[in-house]
Amino acid sequence: MLAVIAKLNVAEGKEEAFEKVMLNLATQVRENEPGNELYTLCKDENGSYVVMELYTDAEALAAHGRSEHFKAAGGGFKGLMAGPPEIQRLQVVG
């Protein structure tokens, strides 16, 4: 299994619009990607966002990046982000 932690840099004042787009994407991922085990938006006490992702294998992760819903969501984030995401890819142990 592969895990991804994506720290998302949301522009100040755009949090509500970001959450709407991101939660829609999360629903699409869960409904349309059989190799995805977890795709969840989280927010810490400082208002910083991360997405926790879990995939059965490298092909499932690659399929996520190629999916139409992932590509389509990109336009929805325009103007909502303060910078690129910080992506950490991990191998699940155990």
N, C-alpha and C. Protein backbone atom coordinates (compact mmCIF):
# COMPACT_ATOMS: atom_id res chain seq x y z
N MET A 1 0.84 -1.18 0.00
CA MET A 1 0.00 0.00 0.00
C MET A 1 0.88 1.24 0.00
N LEU A 2 0.33 2.28 -0.61
CA LEU A 2 1.01 3.57 -0.66
C LEU A 2 0.14 4.62 0.01
N ALA A 3 0.79 5.50 0.74
CA ALA A 3 0.09 6.61 1.39
C ALA A 3 0.61 7.92 0.81
N VAL A 4 -0.25 8.90 0.77
CA VAL A 4 0.12 10.24 0.34
C VAL A 4 -0.45 11.21 1.37
N ILE A 5 0.39 12.16 1.76
CA ILE A 5 -0.06 13.27 2.58
C ILE A 5 0.20 14.52 1.77
N ALA A 6 -0.85 15.23 1.45
CA ALA A 6 -0.74 16.43 0.63
C ALA A 6 -1.11 17.64 1.47
N LYS A 7 -0.12 18.49 1.75
CA LYS A 7 -0.39 19.74 2.47
C LYS A 7 -0.81 20.75 1.42
N LEU A 8 -1.99 21.34 1.63
CA LEU A 8 -2.56 22.26 0.66
C LEU A 8 -2.50 23.69 1.18
N ASN A 9 -1.93 24.55 0.37
CA ASN A 9 -1.73 25.95 0.75
C ASN A 9 -2.88 26.80 0.21
N VAL A 10 -3.87 26.99 1.04
CA VAL A 10 -5.10 27.69 0.64
C VAL A 10 -4.93 29.19 0.88
N ALA A 11 -5.35 29.98 -0.07
CA ALA A 11 -5.28 31.44 0.05
C ALA A 11 -6.21 31.91 1.18
N GLU A 12 -5.74 32.89 1.92
CA GLU A 12 -6.52 33.43 3.03
C GLU A 12 -7.85 33.99 2.52
N GLY A 13 -8.91 33.64 3.22
CA GLY A 13 -10.23 34.10 2.84
C GLY A 13 -10.93 33.22 1.81
N LYS A 14 -10.22 32.21 1.31
CA LYS A 14 -10.79 31.32 0.28
C LYS A 14 -11.14 29.94 0.83
N GLU A 15 -11.09 29.79 2.14
CA GLU A 15 -11.26 28.48 2.75
C GLU A 15 -12.60 27.82 2.43
N GLU A 16 -13.68 28.57 2.51
CA GLU A 16 -15.00 27.99 2.26
C GLU A 16 -15.13 27.49 0.82
N ALA A 17 -14.68 28.28 -0.13
CA ALA A 17 -14.75 27.88 -1.54
C ALA A 17 -13.84 26.69 -1.79
N PHE A 18 -12.65 26.69 -1.17
CA PHE A 18 -11.73 25.57 -1.30
C PHE A 18 -12.36 24.28 -0.79
N GLU A 19 -12.95 24.35 0.40
CA GLU A 19 -13.56 23.15 0.99
C GLU A 19 -14.64 22.59 0.09
N LYS A 20 -15.43 23.44 -0.52
CA LYS A 20 -16.50 22.97 -1.41
C LYS A 20 -15.91 22.18 -2.58
N VAL A 21 -14.90 22.73 -3.22
CA VAL A 21 -14.27 22.05 -4.37
C VAL A 21 -13.59 20.76 -3.91
N MET A 22 -12.85 20.85 -2.80
CA MET A 22 -12.08 19.69 -2.33
C MET A 22 -13.00 18.56 -1.87
N LEU A 23 -14.07 18.88 -1.17
CA LEU A 23 -14.97 17.83 -0.71
C LEU A 23 -15.71 17.18 -1.88
N ASN A 24 -16.01 17.94 -2.92
CA ASN A 24 -16.59 17.35 -4.12
C ASN A 24 -15.60 16.38 -4.76
N LEU A 25 -14.33 16.79 -4.86
CA LEU A 25 -13.32 15.90 -5.42
C LEU A 25 -13.20 14.63 -4.57
N ALA A 26 -13.19 14.78 -3.27
CA ALA A 26 -13.07 13.61 -2.39
C ALA A 26 -14.21 12.63 -2.63
N THR A 27 -15.41 13.13 -2.80
CA THR A 27 -16.55 12.26 -3.09
C THR A 27 -16.33 11.52 -4.41
N GLN A 28 -15.87 12.23 -5.43
CA GLN A 28 -15.61 11.61 -6.73
C GLN A 28 -14.54 10.53 -6.64
N VAL A 29 -13.49 10.80 -5.88
CA VAL A 29 -12.41 9.81 -5.71
C VAL A 29 -12.98 8.56 -5.05
N ARG A 30 -13.70 8.74 -3.96
CA ARG A 30 -14.24 7.57 -3.24
C ARG A 30 -15.21 6.76 -4.08
N GLU A 31 -15.99 7.43 -4.92
CA GLU A 31 -17.00 6.73 -5.72
C GLU A 31 -16.44 6.09 -6.98
N ASN A 32 -15.31 6.59 -7.49
CA ASN A 32 -14.85 6.17 -8.81
C ASN A 32 -13.48 5.53 -8.88
N GLU A 33 -12.80 5.41 -7.75
CA GLU A 33 -11.46 4.84 -7.77
C GLU A 33 -11.38 3.61 -6.87
N PRO A 34 -11.54 2.43 -7.45
CA PRO A 34 -11.53 1.22 -6.63
C PRO A 34 -10.21 0.97 -5.91
N GLY A 35 -9.11 1.51 -6.40
CA GLY A 35 -7.80 1.32 -5.76
C GLY A 35 -7.52 2.32 -4.66
N ASN A 36 -8.47 3.22 -4.41
CA ASN A 36 -8.30 4.20 -3.34
C ASN A 36 -8.97 3.69 -2.08
N GLU A 37 -8.23 3.67 -0.98
CA GLU A 37 -8.76 3.20 0.29
C GLU A 37 -9.14 4.34 1.23
N LEU A 38 -8.54 5.53 1.02
CA LEU A 38 -8.80 6.68 1.88
C LEU A 38 -8.48 7.95 1.12
N TYR A 39 -9.35 8.92 1.19
CA TYR A 39 -9.12 10.23 0.58
C TYR A 39 -9.91 11.21 1.43
N THR A 40 -9.25 11.82 2.40
CA THR A 40 -9.94 12.60 3.41
C THR A 40 -9.27 13.95 3.62
N LEU A 41 -10.07 15.01 3.59
CA LEU A 41 -9.60 16.35 3.87
C LEU A 41 -9.60 16.58 5.37
N CYS A 42 -8.49 17.10 5.88
CA CYS A 42 -8.36 17.39 7.31
C CYS A 42 -7.86 18.82 7.48
N LYS A 43 -8.18 19.41 8.64
CA LYS A 43 -7.73 20.77 8.94
C LYS A 43 -7.24 20.80 10.38
N ASP A 44 -6.07 21.41 10.60
CA ASP A 44 -5.54 21.47 11.96
C ASP A 44 -6.04 22.71 12.69
N GLU A 45 -5.61 22.87 13.94
CA GLU A 45 -6.09 23.97 14.77
C GLU A 45 -5.66 25.35 14.26
N ASN A 46 -4.67 25.38 13.37
CA ASN A 46 -4.22 26.65 12.78
C ASN A 46 -4.91 26.96 11.45
N GLY A 47 -5.79 26.06 11.01
CA GLY A 47 -6.51 26.26 9.76
C GLY A 47 -5.77 25.74 8.53
N SER A 48 -4.69 25.00 8.75
CA SER A 48 -3.94 24.41 7.63
C SER A 48 -4.60 23.11 7.19
N TYR A 49 -4.63 22.89 5.89
CA TYR A 49 -5.30 21.71 5.32
C TYR A 49 -4.30 20.66 4.86
N VAL A 50 -4.68 19.41 5.05
CA VAL A 50 -3.98 18.28 4.45
C VAL A 50 -5.02 17.30 3.92
N VAL A 51 -4.62 16.58 2.89
CA VAL A 51 -5.42 15.46 2.41
C VAL A 51 -4.63 14.20 2.71
N MET A 52 -5.27 13.26 3.39
CA MET A 52 -4.67 11.96 3.65
C MET A 52 -5.23 10.99 2.63
N GLU A 53 -4.31 10.30 1.94
CA GLU A 53 -4.70 9.41 0.86
C GLU A 53 -4.05 8.04 1.07
N LEU A 54 -4.74 6.99 0.67
CA LEU A 54 -4.21 5.64 0.77
C LEU A 54 -4.63 4.87 -0.47
N TYR A 55 -3.66 4.23 -1.13
CA TYR A 55 -3.89 3.50 -2.38
C TYR A 55 -3.38 2.07 -2.25
N THR A 56 -4.05 1.16 -2.94
CA THR A 56 -3.67 -0.25 -2.87
C THR A 56 -2.29 -0.51 -3.47
N ASP A 57 -1.93 0.25 -4.52
CA ASP A 57 -0.63 0.05 -5.17
C ASP A 57 -0.29 1.26 -6.04
N ALA A 58 0.88 1.19 -6.68
CA ALA A 58 1.35 2.31 -7.51
C ALA A 58 0.41 2.58 -8.69
N GLU A 59 -0.18 1.56 -9.25
CA GLU A 59 -1.10 1.76 -10.37
C GLU A 59 -2.35 2.51 -9.93
N ALA A 60 -2.85 2.21 -8.74
CA ALA A 60 -4.02 2.93 -8.22
C ALA A 60 -3.70 4.41 -8.02
N LEU A 61 -2.50 4.71 -7.53
CA LEU A 61 -2.09 6.10 -7.36
C LEU A 61 -1.95 6.79 -8.71
N ALA A 62 -1.37 6.11 -9.68
CA ALA A 62 -1.24 6.67 -11.03
C ALA A 62 -2.62 6.90 -11.66
N ALA A 63 -3.53 5.96 -11.46
CA ALA A 63 -4.89 6.10 -12.00
C ALA A 63 -5.59 7.32 -11.40
N HIS A 64 -5.31 7.60 -10.15
CA HIS A 64 -5.89 8.79 -9.51
C HIS A 64 -5.47 10.05 -10.27
N GLY A 65 -4.19 10.16 -10.57
CA GLY A 65 -3.69 11.33 -11.29
C GLY A 65 -4.20 11.45 -12.71
N ARG A 66 -4.57 10.33 -13.31
CA ARG A 66 -5.08 10.32 -14.69
C ARG A 66 -6.59 10.46 -14.77
N SER A 67 -7.26 10.37 -13.64
CA SER A 67 -8.73 10.34 -13.66
C SER A 67 -9.32 11.65 -14.15
N GLU A 68 -10.45 11.55 -14.81
CA GLU A 68 -11.12 12.73 -15.35
C GLU A 68 -11.58 13.67 -14.23
N HIS A 69 -12.09 13.11 -13.13
CA HIS A 69 -12.55 13.96 -12.03
C HIS A 69 -11.41 14.72 -11.38
N PHE A 70 -10.22 14.12 -11.31
CA PHE A 70 -9.05 14.81 -10.75
C PHE A 70 -8.63 15.95 -11.67
N LYS A 71 -8.57 15.65 -12.97
CA LYS A 71 -8.20 16.69 -13.94
C LYS A 71 -9.23 17.82 -13.94
N ALA A 72 -10.50 17.47 -13.90
CA ALA A 72 -11.57 18.48 -13.94
C ALA A 72 -11.55 19.37 -12.70
N ALA A 73 -11.16 18.83 -11.56
CA ALA A 73 -11.14 19.60 -10.32
C ALA A 73 -10.09 20.71 -10.36
N GLY A 74 -9.06 20.53 -11.15
CA GLY A 74 -7.98 21.51 -11.21
C GLY A 74 -8.46 22.92 -11.46
N GLY A 75 -9.38 23.10 -12.38
CA GLY A 75 -9.92 24.42 -12.68
C GLY A 75 -10.68 25.03 -11.53
N GLY A 76 -11.29 24.18 -10.72
CA GLY A 76 -12.05 24.66 -9.57
C GLY A 76 -11.19 25.28 -8.49
N PHE A 77 -9.92 24.92 -8.48
CA PHE A 77 -9.00 25.44 -7.47
C PHE A 77 -8.36 26.77 -7.88
N LYS A 78 -8.60 27.18 -9.11
CA LYS A 78 -7.99 28.41 -9.61
C LYS A 78 -8.40 29.59 -8.73
N GLY A 79 -7.41 30.34 -8.27
CA GLY A 79 -7.66 31.50 -7.42
C GLY A 79 -7.86 31.17 -5.95
N LEU A 80 -7.88 29.88 -5.60
CA LEU A 80 -8.10 29.48 -4.22
C LEU A 80 -6.82 29.10 -3.49
N MET A 81 -5.76 28.88 -4.23
CA MET A 81 -4.53 28.38 -3.64
C MET A 81 -3.49 29.49 -3.50
N ALA A 82 -2.70 29.39 -2.41
CA ALA A 82 -1.64 30.36 -2.15
C ALA A 82 -0.29 29.85 -2.63
N GLY A 83 -0.26 28.66 -3.16
CA GLY A 83 0.97 28.06 -3.64
C GLY A 83 0.74 26.60 -3.97
N PRO A 84 1.76 25.94 -4.50
CA PRO A 84 1.60 24.53 -4.86
C PRO A 84 1.48 23.64 -3.63
N PRO A 85 0.88 22.47 -3.80
CA PRO A 85 0.78 21.55 -2.66
C PRO A 85 2.16 20.98 -2.33
N GLU A 86 2.31 20.58 -1.08
CA GLU A 86 3.52 19.88 -0.63
C GLU A 86 3.13 18.41 -0.48
N ILE A 87 3.69 17.57 -1.34
CA ILE A 87 3.29 16.17 -1.42
C ILE A 87 4.34 15.27 -0.77
N GLN A 88 3.88 14.41 0.10
CA GLN A 88 4.75 13.40 0.71
C GLN A 88 4.19 12.03 0.35
N ARG A 89 5.01 11.19 -0.28
CA ARG A 89 4.60 9.83 -0.64
C ARG A 89 5.29 8.86 0.31
N LEU A 90 4.52 7.90 0.81
CA LEU A 90 5.02 6.97 1.84
C LEU A 90 4.64 5.54 1.48
N GLN A 91 5.49 4.62 1.86
CA GLN A 91 5.19 3.20 1.77
C GLN A 91 4.58 2.78 3.10
N VAL A 92 3.42 2.14 3.05
CA VAL A 92 2.76 1.68 4.28
C VAL A 92 3.53 0.48 4.83
N VAL A 93 3.80 0.51 6.11
CA VAL A 93 4.51 -0.58 6.79
C VAL A 93 3.50 -1.28 7.70
N GLY A 94 3.33 -2.57 7.46
CA GLY A 94 2.43 -3.33 8.32
C GLY A 94 1.00 -3.34 7.88
